[in-house]
Amino acid sequence: MENIHRAPLAERMRPRSFDELVGQPHLTAPDSGLRQALLHKSIPSIVFWGPPGVGKTTIAQLIAAELGKPFYALSAISSGVKEVREVLEKARTQQGAVLFIDEIHRFNKSQQDALLGAVEKGIITLIGATTENPSFEVNAALLSRCMVYVLYPLQKADLIQIAHRALRHDPWLRELPIELAETEALLRLSGGDARRLLNLLELAVDSLLAVTPQQQTLRITDELVMKVAQQQVALYDKQGEQHYDIISAFIKSIRGSDPNAAVYWLARMIAGGEDVQFIARRMVILASEDIGNANPNALLLATSTFQAVSMIGYPEASIILSQCAIYLACSPKSNASYLAIQHAQQAVDQYGPLPVPLHLRNAPTQLMRKLHYGEDYQYAHAYSGNFVQQEYLPEKITGMRFYNPGENPREHELRKQLKQWWKEKYAY
């Protein structure tokens, strides 16, 4: 029992089959493309892209076991061309092997080139793991010979399942009277990383054994986990009042063009383990509601931020969130687009479903043409400057203005252009 305990809990609990693996169902479910390819023994070389502790190494080992091939693992941090060539020579003599390279993005071009021939000839099935976007960090020639699979941070339910599985099945832990009384700190500090979760769990148990009388229940609490991790975290109920107060302060700081306050409230949410997608989603909304056409790039950056943090997760996602929050806070502000749709919706409520003017209607049939559908429609591109004055609103609300450009340089230009086009119709 003591020898078993010497191996880290994360290693002792490493899944030995796909059925034991928690998370990544898009890759590991029986009907997934990867599992189906394994059934036919037709696995290509692969690059796994995702944050730490989400199963990249484990899945690579399981693939090798399913294929019945020798498994070799190298770290790009400590290995070079020499170590790669040694593995390739062994693979030749064994008529094929799986070579797993962790942090493959750290290999330089010559190191990655050393793998190309062996991958092409089928001497190895290469499985690379990276936390960085492989499109930028992996040699294009090598990447073109690999399938790229994205792995995501483990969800709360996944992490809880992993913790309880360790307490039930680990030969050392299952003999101890352990009560997992609270999980919030474990979940927050692990950040979607199963390895970190299990390391914290083991540290907590070790610390309790040092001070708890024999046979007494070992209660794992948030306070204990924070103590053994030597880290204070701002735990807060993600459904409670503080959750809404802090996101409110964050949004209002950006709207008020204060990047310093924005990053402070962002740091508070990160320390509390707030969902990265929740933070990014609110910035996407703000980019349109509070900045809009004063700086259209704000929406592009906020949308890219949402996509990026969804792939990366904590801790690196905090850098991306900070960049976006500062950019939005420093952008010129306009709520003109927000007000425009509000006014338009009010007009719909007030006037009901007004008929579409005949000249704007589509006329795909002869009957519709006889009823004058589409008649007298003026095609804007047929006129100078791609513009012609004609009526686009229902007759009852003609001339009603919904969009009023904001007071900022870009929308001043829009106002000038609208006034030139529409003269006095919309009173720009």
Protein backbone atom coordinates (compact mmCIF):
# COMPACT_ATOMS: atom_id res chain seq x y z
CA MET A 1 0.00 0.00 0.00
CA GLU A 2 2.82 2.40 0.84
CA ASN A 3 4.54 1.79 -2.54
CA ILE A 4 1.28 2.55 -4.36
CA HIS A 5 1.03 5.84 -2.49
CA ARG A 6 4.49 6.90 -3.71
CA ALA A 7 3.19 7.41 -7.26
CA PRO A 8 1.17 10.65 -7.56
CA LEU A 9 -2.58 10.16 -7.33
CA ALA A 10 -3.03 11.63 -10.83
CA GLU A 11 -0.80 8.87 -12.22
CA ARG A 12 -2.45 6.12 -10.16
CA MET A 13 -5.86 7.20 -11.45
CA ARG A 14 -4.87 7.54 -15.10
CA PRO A 15 -7.64 5.80 -17.10
CA ARG A 16 -6.75 2.41 -18.57
CA SER A 17 -9.57 2.39 -21.10
CA PHE A 18 -11.77 4.86 -22.95
CA ASP A 19 -14.67 3.80 -20.75
CA GLU A 20 -12.82 5.15 -17.69
CA LEU A 21 -12.01 8.47 -19.34
CA VAL A 22 -14.03 11.48 -18.12
CA GLY A 23 -14.69 14.41 -20.43
CA GLN A 24 -14.01 15.05 -24.13
CA PRO A 25 -17.05 13.03 -25.33
CA HIS A 26 -16.67 14.48 -28.84
CA LEU A 27 -13.46 12.43 -29.07
CA THR A 28 -13.98 9.49 -26.77
CA ALA A 29 -17.64 8.47 -27.08
CA PRO A 30 -18.11 5.06 -28.78
CA ASP A 31 -19.69 6.70 -31.85
CA SER A 32 -17.05 9.44 -32.21
CA GLY A 33 -14.89 9.60 -35.31
CA LEU A 34 -11.74 8.83 -33.32
CA ARG A 35 -13.18 5.70 -31.69
CA GLN A 36 -14.58 4.50 -35.02
CA ALA A 37 -11.18 4.96 -36.65
CA LEU A 38 -9.60 2.96 -33.84
CA LEU A 39 -12.00 0.09 -34.50
CA HIS A 40 -10.64 -0.08 -38.05
CA LYS A 41 -7.02 0.43 -36.91
CA SER A 42 -6.80 3.42 -39.26
CA ILE A 43 -5.56 6.20 -36.99
CA PRO A 44 -3.70 9.07 -38.72
CA SER A 45 -1.06 11.15 -37.02
CA ILE A 46 -2.72 13.58 -34.63
CA VAL A 47 -2.20 16.89 -32.88
CA PHE A 48 -4.20 17.37 -29.67
CA TRP A 49 -4.76 21.04 -28.88
CA GLY A 50 -6.04 21.97 -25.44
CA PRO A 51 -5.17 23.19 -21.93
CA PRO A 52 -3.19 21.11 -19.41
CA GLY A 53 -4.74 18.20 -17.55
CA VAL A 54 -7.64 17.45 -19.89
CA GLY A 55 -6.54 14.04 -21.22
CA LYS A 56 -4.08 14.59 -24.08
CA THR A 57 -1.41 12.18 -22.78
CA THR A 58 -3.96 9.65 -21.57
CA ILE A 59 -5.78 9.50 -24.90
CA ALA A 60 -2.45 9.05 -26.68
CA GLN A 61 -1.60 6.09 -24.44
CA LEU A 62 -5.03 4.55 -24.95
CA ILE A 63 -4.67 4.89 -28.73
CA ALA A 64 -1.33 3.04 -28.62
CA ALA A 65 -2.88 0.30 -26.51
CA GLU A 66 -5.85 -0.06 -28.89
CA LEU A 67 -3.49 -0.24 -31.88
CA GLY A 68 -1.25 -2.74 -30.11
CA LYS A 69 1.83 -0.66 -30.91
CA PRO A 70 4.82 0.32 -28.74
CA PHE A 71 4.38 3.72 -27.10
CA TYR A 72 7.18 6.26 -26.79
CA ALA A 73 6.80 9.63 -25.08
CA LEU A 74 9.08 12.62 -25.46
CA SER A 75 8.83 16.15 -24.10
CA ALA A 76 9.76 18.92 -26.49
CA ILE A 77 11.15 20.82 -23.51
CA SER A 78 13.87 18.28 -22.76
CA SER A 79 14.25 16.33 -26.03
CA GLY A 80 15.88 17.21 -29.33
CA VAL A 81 16.64 15.72 -32.74
CA LYS A 82 18.93 13.07 -31.21
CA GLU A 83 16.17 11.63 -29.00
CA VAL A 84 13.68 11.75 -31.88
CA ARG A 85 16.02 9.82 -34.17
CA GLU A 86 16.63 7.19 -31.50
CA VAL A 87 12.88 6.57 -31.21
CA LEU A 88 12.49 6.48 -34.99
CA GLU A 89 15.21 3.82 -35.25
CA LYS A 90 13.45 1.70 -32.63
CA ALA A 91 10.14 2.14 -34.45
CA ARG A 92 11.71 0.92 -37.71
CA THR A 93 12.87 -2.29 -36.08
CA GLN A 94 9.48 -2.77 -34.40
CA GLN A 95 7.60 -2.13 -37.64
CA GLY A 96 5.72 0.86 -36.28
CA ALA A 97 5.15 2.69 -33.00
CA VAL A 98 3.19 5.55 -31.49
CA LEU A 99 5.38 8.55 -30.69
CA PHE A 100 3.82 11.05 -28.31
CA ILE A 101 5.48 14.47 -28.12
CA ASP A 102 4.28 16.76 -25.37
CA GLU A 103 4.50 20.52 -25.99
CA ILE A 104 5.25 19.84 -29.66
CA HIS A 105 4.97 23.55 -30.40
CA ARG A 106 8.31 23.99 -28.59
CA PHE A 107 10.12 21.98 -31.26
CA ASN A 108 11.88 24.23 -33.76
CA LYS A 109 11.51 23.79 -37.51
CA SER A 110 14.45 21.41 -37.90
CA GLN A 111 13.20 19.24 -35.03
CA GLN A 112 9.73 19.06 -36.53
CA ASP A 113 11.19 18.37 -39.99
CA ALA A 114 12.99 15.34 -38.54
CA LEU A 115 9.56 13.73 -38.02
CA LEU A 116 8.21 14.30 -41.52
CA GLY A 117 9.72 11.32 -43.33
CA ALA A 118 8.76 8.85 -40.60
CA VAL A 119 5.20 10.14 -40.53
CA GLU A 120 4.88 9.93 -44.32
CA LYS A 121 6.25 6.37 -44.45
CA GLY A 122 4.11 5.18 -41.57
CA ILE A 123 7.10 4.32 -39.39
CA ILE A 124 5.43 6.18 -36.55
CA THR A 125 1.96 7.36 -35.70
CA LEU A 126 2.77 10.80 -34.34
CA ILE A 127 0.61 12.23 -31.58
CA GLY A 128 1.57 15.75 -30.62
CA ALA A 129 0.12 17.69 -27.70
CA THR A 130 0.07 21.46 -27.55
CA THR A 131 -1.51 24.21 -25.50
CA GLU A 132 -0.89 26.69 -28.33
CA ASN A 133 -2.75 27.16 -31.59
CA PRO A 134 -1.10 24.58 -33.89
CA SER A 135 -1.88 26.71 -36.95
CA PHE A 136 0.76 29.17 -35.77
CA GLU A 137 3.16 26.98 -33.80
CA VAL A 138 3.44 23.72 -35.74
CA ASN A 139 5.30 23.41 -39.05
CA ALA A 140 2.75 23.62 -41.88
CA ALA A 141 4.26 20.60 -43.67
CA LEU A 142 3.94 18.48 -40.52
CA LEU A 143 0.52 19.86 -39.64
CA SER A 144 -0.83 18.99 -43.09
CA ARG A 145 -0.08 15.34 -42.34
CA CYS A 146 -1.96 15.36 -39.05
CA MET A 147 -5.54 15.53 -37.85
CA VAL A 148 -6.05 18.31 -35.30
CA TYR A 149 -8.41 17.58 -32.41
CA VAL A 150 -9.41 20.25 -29.88
CA LEU A 151 -9.75 19.28 -26.21
CA TYR A 152 -11.66 21.49 -23.77
CA PRO A 153 -11.29 22.28 -20.04
CA LEU A 154 -13.12 19.74 -17.92
CA GLN A 155 -16.49 20.85 -16.62
CA LYS A 156 -17.57 20.98 -12.98
CA ALA A 157 -19.46 17.68 -13.22
CA ASP A 158 -16.42 16.01 -14.82
CA LEU A 159 -14.10 17.16 -12.02
CA ILE A 160 -16.47 16.06 -9.28
CA GLN A 161 -16.80 12.66 -10.95
CA ILE A 162 -13.00 12.33 -11.10
CA ALA A 163 -12.63 13.23 -7.41
CA HIS A 164 -15.26 10.73 -6.27
CA ARG A 165 -13.83 8.06 -8.56
CA ALA A 166 -10.43 8.53 -6.91
CA LEU A 167 -11.95 8.19 -3.43
CA ARG A 168 -13.77 4.99 -4.44
CA HIS A 169 -11.16 3.25 -6.55
CA ASP A 170 -7.68 4.34 -5.52
CA PRO A 171 -6.18 1.47 -3.42
CA TRP A 172 -4.89 3.94 -0.83
CA LEU A 173 -7.74 6.43 -0.58
CA ARG A 174 -10.57 3.89 -0.52
CA GLU A 175 -9.25 2.50 2.78
CA LEU A 176 -9.52 5.90 4.48
CA PRO A 177 -12.67 7.47 6.08
CA ILE A 178 -12.73 10.51 3.78
CA GLU A 179 -15.65 12.92 3.49
CA LEU A 180 -15.58 15.33 0.57
CA ALA A 181 -17.56 17.96 2.46
CA GLU A 182 -16.94 20.88 0.07
CA THR A 183 -15.68 21.02 -3.49
CA GLU A 184 -15.73 24.71 -4.45
CA ALA A 185 -12.03 25.35 -3.75
CA LEU A 186 -10.97 22.13 -5.48
CA LEU A 187 -12.92 23.11 -8.56
CA ARG A 188 -11.75 26.73 -8.61
CA LEU A 189 -8.07 25.97 -8.03
CA SER A 190 -7.98 23.11 -10.52
CA GLY A 191 -9.25 25.34 -13.34
CA GLY A 192 -10.56 22.43 -15.40
CA ASP A 193 -7.28 20.48 -14.96
CA ALA A 194 -7.82 16.91 -13.69
CA ARG A 195 -4.15 16.49 -12.74
CA ARG A 196 -4.21 19.61 -10.58
CA LEU A 197 -7.48 18.51 -8.98
CA LEU A 198 -6.08 15.11 -7.96
CA ASN A 199 -2.83 16.63 -6.71
CA LEU A 200 -4.80 19.03 -4.49
CA LEU A 201 -7.00 16.21 -3.24
CA GLU A 202 -3.97 14.13 -2.30
CA LEU A 203 -2.30 17.09 -0.57
CA ALA A 204 -5.45 17.69 1.45
CA VAL A 205 -5.65 14.05 2.56
CA ASP A 206 -1.96 13.99 3.49
CA SER A 207 -2.35 17.13 5.59
CA LEU A 208 -5.35 15.67 7.44
CA LEU A 209 -3.56 12.40 8.17
CA ALA A 210 -0.77 14.34 9.86
CA VAL A 211 -3.11 15.87 12.45
CA THR A 212 -6.25 13.71 12.61
CA PRO A 213 -6.56 10.92 15.23
CA GLN A 214 -6.75 7.40 13.77
CA GLN A 215 -10.17 6.29 12.47
CA GLN A 216 -11.60 9.83 12.67
CA THR A 217 -13.32 11.11 9.52
CA LEU A 218 -11.06 13.13 7.24
CA ARG A 219 -13.23 16.12 6.17
CA ILE A 220 -12.05 17.92 3.08
CA THR A 221 -13.29 21.51 3.13
CA ASP A 222 -12.68 24.63 1.05
CA GLU A 223 -10.65 26.16 3.86
CA LEU A 224 -8.40 23.11 4.06
CA VAL A 225 -7.79 23.01 0.30
CA MET A 226 -6.90 26.71 0.21
CA LYS A 227 -4.55 26.21 3.12
CA VAL A 228 -2.66 23.27 1.59
CA ALA A 229 -2.50 25.06 -1.74
CA GLN A 230 -1.06 28.11 0.06
CA GLN A 231 -3.35 30.26 -2.03
CA GLN A 232 -6.31 32.40 -1.14
CA VAL A 233 -9.12 32.40 -3.68
CA ALA A 234 -12.12 34.68 -3.81
CA LEU A 235 -14.82 32.04 -3.66
CA TYR A 236 -18.27 33.30 -4.44
CA ASP A 237 -21.59 31.80 -5.35
CA LYS A 238 -21.85 32.03 -9.11
CA GLN A 239 -25.62 32.24 -8.80
CA GLY A 240 -25.60 34.70 -5.90
CA GLU A 241 -25.65 38.46 -5.39
CA GLN A 242 -21.89 38.99 -5.49
CA HIS A 243 -21.70 37.28 -8.88
CA TYR A 244 -24.10 39.83 -10.36
CA ASP A 245 -22.64 42.80 -8.47
CA ILE A 246 -19.11 42.15 -9.74
CA ILE A 247 -20.06 41.60 -13.37
CA SER A 248 -22.16 44.78 -13.12
CA ALA A 249 -19.17 46.73 -11.81
CA PHE A 250 -17.00 45.26 -14.58
CA ILE A 251 -19.40 46.22 -17.37
CA LYS A 252 -20.01 49.71 -15.97
CA SER A 253 -16.26 50.30 -15.66
CA ILE A 254 -15.76 49.46 -19.34
CA ARG A 255 -18.77 51.57 -20.34
CA GLY A 256 -17.29 54.40 -18.28
CA SER A 257 -13.92 54.08 -20.12
CA ASP A 258 -11.93 53.15 -17.00
CA PRO A 259 -9.51 50.32 -17.95
CA ASN A 260 -8.00 50.23 -14.45
CA ALA A 261 -11.29 49.52 -12.75
CA ALA A 262 -12.21 47.08 -15.52
CA VAL A 263 -9.13 44.90 -15.00
CA TYR A 264 -9.58 45.03 -11.21
CA TRP A 265 -13.12 43.63 -11.41
CA LEU A 266 -11.92 41.18 -14.05
CA ALA A 267 -9.22 39.99 -11.64
CA ARG A 268 -11.87 39.53 -8.93
CA MET A 269 -13.90 37.30 -11.23
CA ILE A 270 -10.85 35.30 -12.32
CA ALA A 271 -9.82 34.79 -8.67
CA GLY A 272 -13.31 33.49 -7.98
CA GLY A 273 -13.13 31.05 -10.88
CA GLU A 274 -15.85 32.74 -12.90
CA ASP A 275 -16.71 30.97 -16.15
CA VAL A 276 -14.50 32.42 -18.92
CA GLN A 277 -17.32 32.18 -21.45
CA PHE A 278 -19.66 34.15 -19.16
CA ILE A 279 -17.14 37.02 -18.93
CA ALA A 280 -16.37 36.96 -22.66
CA ARG A 281 -20.05 36.75 -23.60
CA ARG A 282 -20.81 39.92 -21.64
CA MET A 283 -17.98 41.73 -23.44
CA VAL A 284 -19.40 40.69 -26.82
CA ILE A 285 -22.74 42.23 -25.84
CA LEU A 286 -21.07 45.39 -24.52
CA ALA A 287 -19.01 45.80 -27.71
CA SER A 288 -22.22 46.23 -29.68
CA GLU A 289 -24.43 47.90 -27.07
CA ASP A 290 -21.98 50.48 -25.74
CA ILE A 291 -19.41 50.91 -28.53
CA GLY A 292 -21.14 49.87 -31.73
CA ASN A 293 -20.21 51.80 -34.86
CA ALA A 294 -18.03 54.22 -32.93
CA ASN A 295 -15.46 51.40 -33.30
CA PRO A 296 -16.74 48.33 -35.19
CA ASN A 297 -13.46 46.49 -34.47
CA ALA A 298 -14.56 46.22 -30.84
CA LEU A 299 -17.16 43.60 -31.74
CA LEU A 300 -14.62 41.68 -33.85
CA LEU A 301 -12.12 41.57 -30.97
CA ALA A 302 -14.77 40.63 -28.40
CA THR A 303 -16.03 37.80 -30.62
CA SER A 304 -12.48 36.55 -31.18
CA THR A 305 -11.93 36.74 -27.43
CA PHE A 306 -14.97 34.54 -26.81
CA GLN A 307 -13.70 31.98 -29.32
CA ALA A 308 -10.16 32.04 -27.93
CA VAL A 309 -11.02 31.64 -24.25
CA SER A 310 -13.48 28.87 -25.11
CA MET A 311 -10.58 26.89 -26.56
CA ILE A 312 -7.90 27.78 -24.02
CA GLY A 313 -9.47 28.19 -20.57
CA TYR A 314 -7.67 29.28 -17.43
CA PRO A 315 -5.02 30.34 -16.58
CA GLU A 316 -3.94 31.68 -19.99
CA ALA A 317 -7.45 32.93 -20.84
CA SER A 318 -7.01 35.67 -18.23
CA ILE A 319 -4.49 37.42 -20.52
CA ILE A 320 -6.91 37.40 -23.45
CA LEU A 321 -9.78 38.66 -21.28
CA SER A 322 -7.57 41.47 -19.98
CA GLN A 323 -6.54 42.56 -23.49
CA CYS A 324 -10.14 42.70 -24.62
CA ALA A 325 -11.42 44.50 -21.49
CA ILE A 326 -8.74 47.19 -21.81
CA TYR A 327 -9.41 47.66 -25.53
CA LEU A 328 -13.15 48.02 -24.95
CA ALA A 329 -12.65 50.43 -22.05
CA CYS A 330 -10.35 52.62 -24.16
CA SER A 331 -12.65 52.62 -27.22
CA PRO A 332 -14.95 55.54 -28.11
CA LYS A 333 -18.49 54.80 -26.95
CA SER A 334 -21.85 54.87 -28.69
CA ASN A 335 -25.18 53.26 -27.85
CA ALA A 336 -26.77 54.47 -31.09
CA SER A 337 -27.24 50.95 -32.52
CA TYR A 338 -28.82 49.80 -29.25
CA LEU A 339 -31.22 52.76 -29.24
CA ALA A 340 -32.02 52.28 -32.94
CA ILE A 341 -33.33 48.75 -32.51
CA GLN A 342 -35.20 49.79 -29.35
CA HIS A 343 -37.00 52.56 -31.27
CA ALA A 344 -37.71 50.27 -34.22
CA GLN A 345 -39.21 47.62 -31.92
CA GLN A 346 -41.37 50.28 -30.29
CA ALA A 347 -42.64 51.29 -33.77
CA VAL A 348 -43.49 47.66 -34.52
CA ASP A 349 -45.42 47.44 -31.25
CA GLN A 350 -47.22 50.75 -31.91
CA TYR A 351 -48.14 50.33 -35.59
CA GLY A 352 -48.33 46.55 -35.90
CA PRO A 353 -47.30 44.56 -39.00
CA LEU A 354 -47.46 47.30 -41.65
CA PRO A 355 -47.54 46.03 -45.25
CA VAL A 356 -44.34 45.95 -47.30
CA PRO A 357 -44.48 48.57 -50.09
CA LEU A 358 -45.28 46.94 -53.42
CA HIS A 359 -42.07 48.05 -55.13
CA LEU A 360 -39.99 46.27 -52.44
CA ARG A 361 -41.80 42.95 -52.74
CA ASN A 362 -40.33 39.98 -54.58
CA ALA A 363 -42.17 38.92 -57.73
CA PRO A 364 -41.23 35.32 -58.62
CA THR A 365 -44.61 34.47 -60.27
CA GLN A 366 -46.65 35.98 -63.11
CA LEU A 367 -49.58 36.60 -60.78
CA MET A 368 -47.40 38.65 -58.45
CA ARG A 369 -46.14 40.71 -61.37
CA LYS A 370 -49.76 41.36 -62.45
CA LEU A 371 -50.40 42.61 -58.92
CA HIS A 372 -47.51 45.08 -59.42
CA TYR A 373 -45.13 43.34 -57.01
CA GLY A 374 -41.63 44.74 -57.50
CA GLU A 375 -42.86 47.36 -59.97
CA ASP A 376 -40.84 50.61 -60.06
CA TYR A 377 -38.14 49.21 -57.79
CA GLN A 378 -34.89 51.12 -58.38
CA TYR A 379 -31.72 49.02 -58.22
CA ALA A 380 -29.20 51.10 -56.26
CA HIS A 381 -26.14 49.76 -58.10
CA ALA A 382 -27.52 51.06 -61.40
CA TYR A 383 -27.15 54.65 -60.18
CA SER A 384 -24.20 56.95 -59.61
CA GLY A 385 -22.56 56.31 -56.26
CA ASN A 386 -24.63 53.14 -55.86
CA PHE A 387 -27.43 55.17 -54.36
CA VAL A 388 -30.89 56.36 -55.37
CA GLN A 389 -33.55 57.98 -53.22
CA GLN A 390 -36.61 55.77 -52.91
CA GLU A 391 -38.98 54.75 -50.11
CA TYR A 392 -38.00 51.73 -48.03
CA LEU A 393 -40.37 52.16 -45.08
CA PRO A 394 -44.11 51.47 -45.00
CA GLU A 395 -46.13 54.55 -45.99
CA LYS A 396 -47.54 55.09 -42.50
CA ILE A 397 -44.12 55.64 -40.93
CA THR A 398 -42.25 57.21 -43.83
CA GLY A 399 -39.49 59.54 -42.69
CA MET A 400 -39.38 58.04 -39.18
CA ARG A 401 -35.76 57.98 -37.95
CA PHE A 402 -34.57 55.15 -35.72
CA TYR A 403 -30.79 55.48 -36.00
CA ASN A 404 -29.23 58.66 -34.63
CA PRO A 405 -25.42 58.54 -35.03
CA GLY A 406 -23.47 58.99 -31.82
CA GLU A 407 -21.17 61.85 -30.90
CA ASN A 408 -17.85 60.33 -31.97
CA PRO A 409 -15.55 60.82 -34.98
CA ARG A 410 -16.59 57.72 -36.90
CA GLU A 411 -20.34 58.26 -36.49
CA HIS A 412 -19.91 61.93 -37.37
CA GLU A 413 -18.72 60.64 -40.74
CA LEU A 414 -21.73 58.32 -40.94
CA ARG A 415 -24.04 61.25 -40.14
CA LYS A 416 -22.42 63.32 -42.87
CA GLN A 417 -22.88 60.51 -45.40
CA LEU A 418 -26.52 59.89 -44.40
CA LYS A 419 -27.29 63.60 -44.69
CA GLN A 420 -25.75 63.70 -48.15
CA TRP A 421 -27.83 60.70 -49.25
CA TRP A 422 -31.17 61.50 -47.65
CA LYS A 423 -31.09 65.32 -47.68
CA GLU A 424 -33.88 66.40 -45.32
CA LYS A 425 -35.89 63.17 -45.28
CA TYR A 426 -34.51 61.85 -41.99
CA ALA A 427 -33.37 65.23 -40.64
CA TYR A 428 -29.74 64.22 -40.23
